[in-house]
C-alpha atoms as a PDB file:
ATOM      1  CA  MET A   1     -24.475 -26.437 -24.372  1.00  0.00           C
ATOM      2  CA  ALA A   2     -23.414 -22.988 -22.881  1.00  0.00           C
ATOM      3  CA  MET A   3     -24.005 -22.456 -19.437  1.00  0.00           C
ATOM      4  CA  ALA A   4     -25.624 -19.386 -18.201  1.00  0.00           C
ATOM      5  CA  PRO A   5     -23.686 -17.033 -16.216  1.00  0.00           C
ATOM      6  CA  PRO A   6     -23.817 -17.692 -12.653  1.00  0.00           C
ATOM      7  CA  LEU A   7     -26.272 -15.507 -10.381  1.00  0.00           C
ATOM      8  CA  SER A   8     -25.217 -13.405  -7.355  1.00  0.00           C
ATOM      9  CA  TYR A   9     -26.887 -10.784  -5.067  1.00  0.00           C
ATOM     10  CA  ILE A  10     -25.425  -8.397  -2.651  1.00  0.00           C
ATOM     11  CA  VAL A  11     -27.461  -8.020   0.435  1.00  0.00           C
ATOM     12  CA  LEU A  12     -27.081  -4.432   1.727  1.00  0.00           C
ATOM     13  CA  LYS A  13     -26.683  -3.652   5.338  1.00  0.00           C
ATOM     14  CA  THR A  14     -29.520  -0.816   6.568  1.00  0.00           C
ATOM     15  CA  ARG A  15     -29.040   1.131   9.722  1.00  0.00           C
ATOM     16  CA  LYS A  16     -32.889   1.694   9.982  1.00  0.00           C
ATOM     17  CA  GLN A  17     -35.088  -1.348  10.469  1.00  0.00           C
ATOM     18  CA  PRO A  18     -37.344  -1.334   7.602  1.00  0.00           C
ATOM     19  CA  GLY A  19     -41.001  -0.610   8.745  1.00  0.00           C
ATOM     20  CA  ILE A  20     -43.352  -3.967   8.303  1.00  0.00           C
ATOM     21  CA  GLY A  21     -46.078  -2.854   5.968  1.00  0.00           C
ATOM     22  CA  GLY A  22     -43.814  -0.370   4.058  1.00  0.00           C
ATOM     23  CA  ARG A  23     -43.962   0.377   0.070  1.00  0.00           C
ATOM     24  CA  TRP A  24     -41.763  -1.276  -2.228  1.00  0.00           C
ATOM     25  CA  ASP A  25     -39.814   1.999  -3.117  1.00  0.00           C
ATOM     26  CA  SER A  26     -39.930   3.166   0.800  1.00  0.00           C
ATOM     27  CA  PRO A  27     -37.151   5.328   1.499  1.00  0.00           C
ATOM     28  CA  ASP A  28     -35.697   2.366   3.880  1.00  0.00           C
ATOM     29  CA  ARG A  29     -35.940   0.078   0.926  1.00  0.00           C
ATOM     30  CA  ILE A  30     -35.157   1.955  -2.140  1.00  0.00           C
ATOM     31  CA  HIS A  31     -31.313   1.313  -2.368  1.00  0.00           C
ATOM     32  CA  ALA A  32     -31.700  -2.228  -2.178  1.00  0.00           C
ATOM     33  CA  GLU A  33     -31.589  -4.108  -5.816  1.00  0.00           C
ATOM     34  CA  ASP A  34     -34.431  -5.850  -7.299  1.00  0.00           C
ATOM     35  CA  LEU A  35     -34.151  -9.640  -7.519  1.00  0.00           C
ATOM     36  CA  SER A  36     -36.129 -11.278 -10.400  1.00  0.00           C
ATOM     37  CA  LEU A  37     -37.558 -14.902 -10.451  1.00  0.00           C
ATOM     38  CA  SER A  38     -37.695 -15.088 -14.072  1.00  0.00           C
ATOM     39  CA  ASN A  39     -36.894 -18.802 -14.679  1.00  0.00           C
ATOM     40  CA  PHE A  40     -39.987 -20.673 -15.195  1.00  0.00           C
ATOM     41  CA  CYS A  41     -40.107 -24.689 -14.626  1.00  0.00           C
ATOM     42  CA  ASP A  42     -43.404 -25.080 -16.644  1.00  0.00           C
ATOM     43  CA  ASP A  43     -44.749 -23.700 -19.819  1.00  0.00           C
ATOM     44  CA  THR A  44     -48.187 -22.928 -19.052  1.00  0.00           C
ATOM     45  CA  GLY A  45     -48.680 -19.566 -20.886  1.00  0.00           C
ATOM     46  CA  PHE A  46     -48.965 -17.865 -17.267  1.00  0.00           C
ATOM     47  CA  LYS A  47     -45.928 -16.143 -16.264  1.00  0.00           C
ATOM     48  CA  PRO A  48     -46.064 -13.810 -13.084  1.00  0.00           C
ATOM     49  CA  THR A  49     -43.775 -11.238 -12.578  1.00  0.00           C
ATOM     50  CA  THR A  50     -42.151 -11.711  -8.942  1.00  0.00           C
ATOM     51  CA  ASP A  51     -39.305  -9.653  -7.549  1.00  0.00           C
ATOM     52  CA  LEU A  52     -37.393  -9.738  -4.180  1.00  0.00           C
ATOM     53  CA  LYS A  53     -35.382  -7.240  -2.105  1.00  0.00           C
ATOM     54  CA  LEU A  54     -33.124  -8.113   0.798  1.00  0.00           C
ATOM     55  CA  LEU A  55     -31.655  -6.371   3.518  1.00  0.00           C
ATOM     56  CA  TYR A  56     -29.742  -6.827   6.821  1.00  0.00           C
ATOM     57  CA  ASP A  57     -28.795  -5.405  10.168  1.00  0.00           C
ATOM     58  CA  ASP A  58     -26.947  -7.049  13.090  1.00  0.00           C
ATOM     59  CA  THR A  59     -29.490  -9.291  14.137  1.00  0.00           C
ATOM     60  CA  GLN A  60     -31.723  -9.943  11.248  1.00  0.00           C
ATOM     61  CA  ILE A  61     -32.397 -10.513   7.539  1.00  0.00           C
ATOM     62  CA  TYR A  62     -35.130  -8.644   5.936  1.00  0.00           C
ATOM     63  CA  GLY A  63     -37.244  -9.598   2.766  1.00  0.00           C
ATOM     64  CA  MET A  64     -39.833  -8.209   0.576  1.00  0.00           C
ATOM     65  CA  PHE A  65     -41.768  -9.939  -2.205  1.00  0.00           C
ATOM     66  CA  ARG A  66     -43.722  -8.104  -4.917  1.00  0.00           C
ATOM     67  CA  VAL A  67     -45.705 -10.409  -6.933  1.00  0.00           C
ATOM     68  CA  GLN A  68     -48.024  -9.456 -10.085  1.00  0.00           C
ATOM     69  CA  ASP A  69     -50.361 -12.279  -9.915  1.00  0.00           C
ATOM     70  CA  GLN A  70     -53.459 -13.743 -11.619  1.00  0.00           C
ATOM     71  CA  TYR A  71     -55.493 -16.600 -10.949  1.00  0.00           C
ATOM     72  CA  VAL A  72     -54.600 -16.554  -7.316  1.00  0.00           C
ATOM     73  CA  VAL A  73     -56.144 -18.883  -4.440  1.00  0.00           C
ATOM     74  CA  CYS A  74     -54.956 -18.901  -0.897  1.00  0.00           C
ATOM     75  CA  ARG A  75     -56.926 -21.259   1.474  1.00  0.00           C
ATOM     76  CA  GLU A  76     -54.364 -23.113   3.656  1.00  0.00           C
ATOM     77  CA  LYS A  77     -54.113 -21.362   7.004  1.00  0.00           C
ATOM     78  CA  GLU A  78     -52.482 -23.561   9.430  1.00  0.00           C
ATOM     79  CA  TYR A  79     -48.755 -23.398  10.556  1.00  0.00           C
ATOM     80  CA  GLN A  80     -46.972 -26.195   8.603  1.00  0.00           C
ATOM     81  CA  SER A  81     -49.444 -26.918   6.167  1.00  0.00           C
ATOM     82  CA  ASP A  82     -48.616 -27.307   2.436  1.00  0.00           C
ATOM     83  CA  VAL A  83     -49.093 -23.697   1.319  1.00  0.00           C
ATOM     84  CA  THR A  84     -47.800 -24.470  -2.124  1.00  0.00           C
ATOM     85  CA  HIS A  85     -51.167 -25.368  -3.427  1.00  0.00           C
ATOM     86  CA  ASP A  86     -51.940 -21.558  -2.986  1.00  0.00           C
ATOM     87  CA  ALA A  87     -50.142 -18.420  -4.399  1.00  0.00           C
ATOM     88  CA  CYS A  88     -46.878 -18.940  -2.725  1.00  0.00           C
ATOM     89  CA  VAL A  89     -43.315 -17.497  -2.488  1.00  0.00           C
ATOM     90  CA  ALA A  90     -40.197 -18.990  -1.005  1.00  0.00           C
ATOM     91  CA  ALA A  91     -36.969 -18.262   0.485  1.00  0.00           C
ATOM     92  CA  TYR A  92     -34.327 -21.306   0.673  1.00  0.00           C
ATOM     93  CA  PHE A  93     -31.081 -20.151   2.410  1.00  0.00           C
ATOM     94  CA  GLN A  94     -27.716 -22.216   3.301  1.00  0.00           C
ATOM     95  CA  PRO A  95     -25.781 -19.858   5.210  1.00  0.00           C
ATOM     96  CA  ASN A  96     -23.032 -22.551   5.724  1.00  0.00           C
ATOM     97  CA  PRO A  97     -21.613 -24.746   2.926  1.00  0.00           C
ATOM     98  CA  GLU A  98     -20.866 -27.637   5.469  1.00  0.00           C
ATOM     99  CA  SER A  99     -24.435 -27.576   6.629  1.00  0.00           C
ATOM    100  CA  GLY A 100     -28.142 -28.105   5.339  1.00  0.00           C
ATOM    101  CA  TYR A 101     -30.757 -25.231   4.432  1.00  0.00           C
ATOM    102  CA  LEU A 102     -33.578 -23.453   5.628  1.00  0.00           C
ATOM    103  CA  ALA A 103     -36.658 -23.489   3.382  1.00  0.00           C
ATOM    104  CA  LEU A 104     -39.286 -21.058   4.191  1.00  0.00           C
ATOM    105  CA  GLU A 105     -42.461 -21.101   2.071  1.00  0.00           C
ATOM    106  CA  MET A 106     -45.181 -18.490   2.538  1.00  0.00           C
ATOM    107  CA  ASN A 107     -48.688 -18.043   1.074  1.00  0.00           C
ATOM    108  CA  CYS A 108     -50.075 -14.932  -0.186  1.00  0.00           C
ATOM    109  CA  CYS A 109     -51.930 -14.571   3.186  1.00  0.00           C
ATOM    110  CA  GLY A 110     -49.350 -15.280   5.337  1.00  0.00           C
ATOM    111  CA  THR A 111     -49.461 -18.897   6.214  1.00  0.00           C
ATOM    112  CA  LEU A 112     -45.675 -20.163   6.637  1.00  0.00           C
ATOM    113  CA  ARG A 113     -44.408 -23.882   6.249  1.00  0.00           C
ATOM    114  CA  ALA A 114     -40.724 -23.752   7.776  1.00  0.00           C
ATOM    115  CA  SER A 115     -38.138 -26.487   7.496  1.00  0.00           C
ATOM    116  CA  TYR A 116     -34.549 -27.644   8.042  1.00  0.00           C
ATOM    117  CA  PHE A 117     -33.340 -29.822   5.352  1.00  0.00           C
ATOM    118  CA  GLU A 118     -30.262 -31.267   7.028  1.00  0.00           C
ATOM    119  CA  GLU A 119     -28.145 -33.058   4.214  1.00  0.00           C
ATOM    120  CA  ALA A 120     -27.353 -31.802   1.073  1.00  0.00           C
ATOM    121  CA  ASN A 121     -28.648 -33.210  -2.232  1.00  0.00           C
ATOM    122  CA  ILE A 122     -26.767 -36.220  -4.077  1.00  0.00           C
ATOM    123  CA  GLU A 123     -29.010 -36.586  -6.747  1.00  0.00           C
ATOM    124  CA  LYS A 124     -30.266 -33.689  -8.533  1.00  0.00           C
ATOM    125  CA  GLY A 125     -33.652 -33.034  -8.183  1.00  0.00           C
ATOM    126  CA  GLY A 126     -33.918 -35.394  -5.316  1.00  0.00           C
ATOM    127  CA  LEU A 127     -34.941 -34.376  -1.971  1.00  0.00           C
ATOM    128  CA  SER A 128     -32.521 -34.190   1.200  1.00  0.00           C
ATOM    129  CA  GLY A 129     -32.003 -37.026   3.483  1.00  0.00           C
ATOM    130  CA  ARG A 130     -33.433 -35.515   6.759  1.00  0.00           C
ATOM    131  CA  ILE A 131     -36.188 -33.072   6.986  1.00  0.00           C
ATOM    132  CA  VAL A 132     -36.638 -31.207  10.453  1.00  0.00           C
ATOM    133  CA  PRO A 133     -39.981 -29.288  10.492  1.00  0.00           C
ATOM    134  CA  LEU A 134     -39.240 -26.300  12.506  1.00  0.00           C
ATOM    135  CA  PRO A 135     -41.574 -26.092  15.860  1.00  0.00           C
ATOM    136  CA  TRP A 136     -43.787 -23.534  16.625  1.00  0.00           C
ATOM    137  CA  ARG A 137     -41.397 -21.860  19.170  1.00  0.00           C
ATOM    138  CA  ASP A 138     -38.776 -21.141  16.240  1.00  0.00           C
ATOM    139  CA  GLY A 139     -41.548 -20.704  13.548  1.00  0.00           C
ATOM    140  CA  TYR A 140     -43.371 -17.840  15.461  1.00  0.00           C
ATOM    141  CA  GLN A 141     -40.199 -15.910  15.664  1.00  0.00           C
ATOM    142  CA  ILE A 142     -40.098 -15.620  11.761  1.00  0.00           C
ATOM    143  CA  ARG A 143     -42.147 -12.397  11.032  1.00  0.00           C
ATOM    144  CA  ILE A 144     -44.187 -12.208   8.132  1.00  0.00           C
ATOM    145  CA  TYR A 145     -46.731  -9.088   6.811  1.00  0.00           C
ATOM    146  CA  THR A 146     -48.539  -9.439   3.766  1.00  0.00           C
ATOM    147  CA  SER A 147     -51.069  -6.945   1.926  1.00  0.00           C
ATOM    148  CA  GLN A 148     -53.494 -10.023   1.200  1.00  0.00           C
ATOM    149  CA  PHE A 149     -55.622 -10.599   4.335  1.00  0.00           C
ATOM    150  CA  GLY A 150     -57.901 -13.646   4.844  1.00  0.00           C
ATOM    151  CA  THR A 151     -58.101 -16.533   2.572  1.00  0.00           C
ATOM    152  CA  VAL A 152     -59.097 -16.496  -0.747  1.00  0.00           C
ATOM    153  CA  GLU A 153     -61.227 -19.495  -1.305  1.00  0.00           C
ATOM    154  CA  SER A 154     -62.685 -18.512  -4.955  1.00  0.00           C
ATOM    155  CA  GLU A 155     -60.125 -18.077  -7.447  1.00  0.00           C
ATOM    156  CA  ILE A 156     -59.328 -14.309  -8.226  1.00  0.00           C
ATOM    157  CA  VAL A 157     -59.351 -14.381 -11.921  1.00  0.00           C
ATOM    158  CA  ASN A 158     -58.222 -10.751 -12.509  1.00  0.00           C
ATOM    159  CA  SER A 159     -54.857  -9.505 -12.278  1.00  0.00           C
ATOM    160  CA  ILE A 160     -53.775  -8.540  -8.515  1.00  0.00           C
ATOM    161  CA  THR A 161     -50.222  -7.183  -7.046  1.00  0.00           C
ATOM    162  CA  TRP A 162     -49.719  -8.319  -3.727  1.00  0.00           C
ATOM    163  CA  GLN A 163     -46.529  -7.929  -1.347  1.00  0.00           C
ATOM    164  CA  LEU A 164     -45.099 -10.251   1.579  1.00  0.00           C
ATOM    165  CA  GLU A 165     -42.408  -9.145   4.211  1.00  0.00           C
ATOM    166  CA  PHE A 166     -40.595 -11.308   6.150  1.00  0.00           C
ATOM    167  CA  VAL A 167     -37.924 -10.935   9.023  1.00  0.00           C
ATOM    168  CA  ILE A 168     -36.069 -13.827  10.053  1.00  0.00           C
ATOM    169  CA  PRO A 169     -33.567 -13.524  13.130  1.00  0.00           C
ATOM    170  CA  PHE A 170     -30.057 -14.811  12.616  1.00  0.00           C
ATOM    171  CA  SER A 171     -30.393 -16.663  15.717  1.00  0.00           C
ATOM    172  CA  ILE A 172     -32.758 -19.101  13.992  1.00  0.00           C
ATOM    173  CA  PHE A 173     -30.190 -19.794  11.444  1.00  0.00           C
ATOM    174  CA  GLU A 174     -27.529 -20.399  14.203  1.00  0.00           C
ATOM    175  CA  THR A 175     -29.988 -22.849  15.654  1.00  0.00           C
ATOM    176  CA  TYR A 176     -29.963 -24.789  12.679  1.00  0.00           C
ATOM    177  CA  THR A 177     -26.905 -24.392  10.840  1.00  0.00           C
ATOM    178  CA  GLY A 178     -24.210 -23.616  13.651  1.00  0.00           C
ATOM    179  CA  LEU A 179     -23.234 -20.381  11.750  1.00  0.00           C
ATOM    180  CA  LEU A 180     -22.433 -17.062  13.222  1.00  0.00           C
ATOM    181  CA  ARG A 181     -23.760 -13.833  11.865  1.00  0.00           C
ATOM    182  CA  PRO A 182     -22.801 -13.153   7.999  1.00  0.00           C
ATOM    183  CA  ILE A 183     -19.868 -11.171   7.272  1.00  0.00           C
ATOM    184  CA  ARG A 184     -18.258  -9.970   3.905  1.00  0.00           C
ATOM    185  CA  GLU A 185     -15.955 -12.978   3.642  1.00  0.00           C
ATOM    186  CA  ASN A 186     -18.766 -15.488   4.124  1.00  0.00           C
ATOM    187  CA  PRO A 187     -21.227 -15.660   1.300  1.00  0.00           C
ATOM    188  CA  TRP A 188     -24.344 -17.564   1.867  1.00  0.00           C
ATOM    189  CA  ARG A 189     -26.141 -19.684  -0.821  1.00  0.00           C
ATOM    190  CA  ALA A 190     -29.855 -19.364  -1.707  1.00  0.00           C
ATOM    191  CA  ASN A 191     -32.810 -19.611  -4.040  1.00  0.00           C
ATOM    192  CA  PHE A 192     -36.076 -18.118  -4.227  1.00  0.00           C
ATOM    193  CA  TYR A 193     -39.285 -19.382  -5.763  1.00  0.00           C
ATOM    194  CA  LYS A 194     -43.025 -18.357  -6.832  1.00  0.00           C
ATOM    195  CA  CYS A 195     -45.611 -21.301  -7.411  1.00  0.00           C
ATOM    196  CA  THR A 196     -49.078 -22.441  -7.128  1.00  0.00           C
ATOM    197  CA  THR A 197     -50.063 -26.210  -7.848  1.00  0.00           C
ATOM    198  CA  GLN A 198     -53.894 -25.611  -7.390  1.00  0.00           C
ATOM    199  CA  SER A 199     -55.264 -23.123  -9.289  1.00  0.00           C
ATOM    200  CA  SER A 200     -56.499 -22.959 -12.796  1.00  0.00           C
ATOM    201  CA  HIS A 201     -53.123 -21.810 -14.036  1.00  0.00           C
ATOM    202  CA  PRO A 202     -50.413 -23.658 -11.998  1.00  0.00           C
ATOM    203  CA  HIS A 203     -46.845 -22.457 -12.397  1.00  0.00           C
ATOM    204  CA  ARG A 204     -43.470 -22.579 -10.748  1.00  0.00           C
ATOM    205  CA  SER A 205     -40.467 -20.050 -11.240  1.00  0.00           C
ATOM    206  CA  SER A 206     -37.241 -19.290  -9.485  1.00  0.00           C
ATOM    207  CA  TRP A 207     -34.289 -16.998  -9.436  1.00  0.00           C
ATOM    208  CA  ALA A 208     -31.374 -19.327 -10.084  1.00  0.00           C
ATOM    209  CA  PRO A 209     -32.347 -21.821 -12.683  1.00  0.00           C
ATOM    210  CA  LEU A 210     -33.106 -25.436 -11.635  1.00  0.00           C
ATOM    211  CA  TYR A 211     -31.841 -28.415 -13.268  1.00  0.00           C
ATOM    212  CA  ASN A 212     -35.258 -29.587 -13.857  1.00  0.00           C
ATOM    213  CA  GLY A 213     -38.578 -28.659 -12.748  1.00  0.00           C
ATOM    214  CA  ILE A 214     -39.417 -31.732 -10.340  1.00  0.00           C
ATOM    215  CA  SER A 215     -38.462 -29.835  -7.311  1.00  0.00           C
ATOM    216  CA  PHE A 216     -37.441 -26.913  -5.720  1.00  0.00           C
ATOM    217  CA  HIS A 217     -35.143 -28.934  -3.322  1.00  0.00           C
ATOM    218  CA  GLN A 218     -31.977 -28.556  -5.275  1.00  0.00           C
ATOM    219  CA  PRO A 219     -29.235 -27.052  -3.419  1.00  0.00           C
ATOM    220  CA  GLU A 220     -26.546 -27.573  -6.106  1.00  0.00           C
ATOM    221  CA  CYS A 221     -28.538 -24.754  -7.865  1.00  0.00           C
ATOM    222  CA  PHE A 222     -28.146 -22.245  -5.129  1.00  0.00           C
ATOM    223  CA  SER A 223     -26.661 -18.762  -5.858  1.00  0.00           C
ATOM    224  CA  PRO A 224     -24.624 -16.706  -3.599  1.00  0.00           C
ATOM    225  CA  LEU A 225     -25.519 -13.902  -1.393  1.00  0.00           C
ATOM    226  CA  TYR A 226     -22.896 -11.497  -0.383  1.00  0.00           C
ATOM    227  CA  PHE A 227     -23.382  -9.084   2.580  1.00  0.00           C
ATOM    228  CA  SER A 228     -22.136  -5.537   2.092  1.00  0.00           C
END
């Protein structure tokens, strides 16, 4: 069976910090390329369209998800709760090939679950060896803005488009991976996801294809991020 061509994404450097709460096509983001989460792990008949844009500057990385969604629930509101129950997006970054990876999972009302997976996978689809939940003193440094304010207890069955922005200081990556700021000669590896497990139409999708649909924690499937 032929292998799909490898994916990659170029993260452009911005001279102006993108405004939190901005538009998808705002002047400070319009030059960033769209990245599509179009590989679905489940064949449930519902395939929401999810796109992402990334930028960076000398101190932070900026991301914006845009989700054309339906059957939305969003009930988790405590830091480190299992937000994958809800309408959720996720960004997994591995800045240093010699280290583990940082997993950020965010539901559509902005609740964050953040962990560092210290050891790389050995068996495809299995979890990493040691998981370090980020304490609040680190998690609060990750800024999140979402267009969906408040929880959604009763499922929204109609189509809805929501956006979620995140800003991650490079100091967080340095704390856990020991890596200095990104440079052109040092590509990162990453994967990005959209999911929900407790709506009437559960689904899971990713940017880079997975070996199987059991787990998002497959760093061997991560694809390169190049910094311009």
